[in-house]
Amino acid sequence: MPDFTMKAVAPTKADEALRDDIMALVKRHLTPDTGERVLAITSQVVGQALALQDQRTMTKDRALQLIMANIETGNAGVIESLHHTKGNA
């Protein structure tokens, strides 16, 4: 049986552009709101993207593994960038 362990995706330049566009929208529309609201709305977007997956090949467990691995990668990227800031980040 094939190994379906999900790992973080190494983004291509196009992926980075998509991620940057999404983050710009988040900053533009949700910055005045609480952190919880940002998480809620972006989670809804993830849920919508999940609903569009081919359920014959993307099981709930596989999807959650993929999502968790990439959440951890996103967290690590922000934490790393904060190590390089001066003053208050």
Protein backbone atom coordinates (compact mmCIF):
# COMPACT_ATOMS: atom_id res chain seq x y z
CA MET A 1 0.00 0.00 0.00
CA PRO A 2 1.42 3.46 -0.86
CA ASP A 3 2.56 5.80 1.89
CA PHE A 4 0.08 8.67 2.05
CA THR A 5 1.84 10.54 4.85
CA MET A 6 1.30 14.22 4.18
CA LYS A 7 4.18 16.60 4.45
CA ALA A 8 4.54 20.32 4.18
CA VAL A 9 4.59 21.56 0.62
CA ALA A 10 7.66 23.45 -0.53
CA PRO A 11 6.06 26.44 -2.28
CA THR A 12 6.95 27.37 -5.82
CA LYS A 13 7.22 31.03 -6.85
CA ALA A 14 3.59 30.85 -8.03
CA ASP A 15 2.55 29.35 -4.67
CA GLU A 16 4.37 32.13 -2.83
CA ALA A 17 2.59 34.73 -4.97
CA LEU A 18 -0.78 33.14 -4.11
CA ARG A 19 0.10 33.04 -0.41
CA ASP A 20 1.27 36.67 -0.49
CA ASP A 21 -1.96 37.74 -2.21
CA ILE A 22 -4.05 35.91 0.39
CA MET A 23 -2.08 37.47 3.26
CA ALA A 24 -2.47 40.93 1.72
CA LEU A 25 -6.24 40.40 1.62
CA VAL A 26 -6.24 39.22 5.22
CA LYS A 27 -4.28 42.27 6.30
CA ARG A 28 -6.45 44.65 4.30
CA HIS A 29 -9.82 43.27 5.43
CA LEU A 30 -9.28 41.75 8.85
CA THR A 31 -6.52 43.69 10.59
CA PRO A 32 -8.94 45.78 12.69
CA ASP A 33 -10.62 42.64 14.01
CA THR A 34 -9.40 40.25 16.66
CA GLY A 35 -6.94 37.46 16.07
CA GLU A 36 -9.73 34.96 16.66
CA ARG A 37 -11.75 36.48 13.81
CA VAL A 38 -8.79 36.22 11.44
CA LEU A 39 -8.39 32.55 12.36
CA ALA A 40 -12.12 31.89 11.97
CA ILE A 41 -12.40 33.46 8.52
CA THR A 42 -9.22 31.93 7.12
CA SER A 43 -10.29 28.55 8.54
CA GLN A 44 -13.56 28.88 6.65
CA VAL A 45 -11.54 29.40 3.46
CA VAL A 46 -9.53 26.25 4.23
CA GLY A 47 -12.80 24.40 4.79
CA GLN A 48 -14.11 25.59 1.45
CA ALA A 49 -10.91 24.48 -0.29
CA LEU A 50 -11.21 21.12 1.48
CA ALA A 51 -14.78 20.69 0.22
CA LEU A 52 -13.51 21.07 -3.36
CA GLN A 53 -11.12 18.10 -3.09
CA ASP A 54 -11.75 14.83 -4.92
CA GLN A 55 -13.12 12.71 -2.09
CA ARG A 56 -12.07 9.54 -3.92
CA THR A 57 -8.39 10.41 -3.43
CA MET A 58 -8.37 12.92 -0.55
CA THR A 59 -9.75 11.40 2.62
CA LYS A 60 -10.57 13.47 5.69
CA ASP A 61 -7.52 12.05 7.51
CA ARG A 62 -5.16 12.78 4.61
CA ALA A 63 -6.52 16.31 4.31
CA LEU A 64 -6.11 16.99 8.02
CA GLN A 65 -2.53 15.67 7.93
CA LEU A 66 -1.76 17.97 5.00
CA ILE A 67 -3.40 20.95 6.69
CA MET A 68 -1.62 20.40 10.01
CA ALA A 69 1.79 19.93 8.39
CA ASN A 70 1.41 23.17 6.47
CA ILE A 71 0.05 25.11 9.45
CA GLU A 72 3.22 24.12 11.31
CA THR A 73 5.34 25.24 8.35
CA GLY A 74 3.51 28.58 8.21
CA ASN A 75 3.99 29.09 11.95
CA ALA A 76 7.69 28.30 11.71
CA GLY A 77 8.12 30.76 8.85
CA VAL A 78 6.56 33.62 10.79
CA ILE A 79 8.52 32.78 13.96
CA GLU A 80 11.74 32.71 11.94
CA SER A 81 10.96 36.09 10.37
CA LEU A 82 10.30 37.56 13.83
CA HIS A 83 13.81 36.58 14.91
CA HIS A 84 15.10 39.04 12.31
CA THR A 85 13.03 42.07 13.36
CA LYS A 86 14.30 44.98 15.40
CA GLY A 87 12.21 46.36 18.22
CA ASN A 88 8.54 45.44 18.43
CA ALA A 89 7.25 43.03 15.79
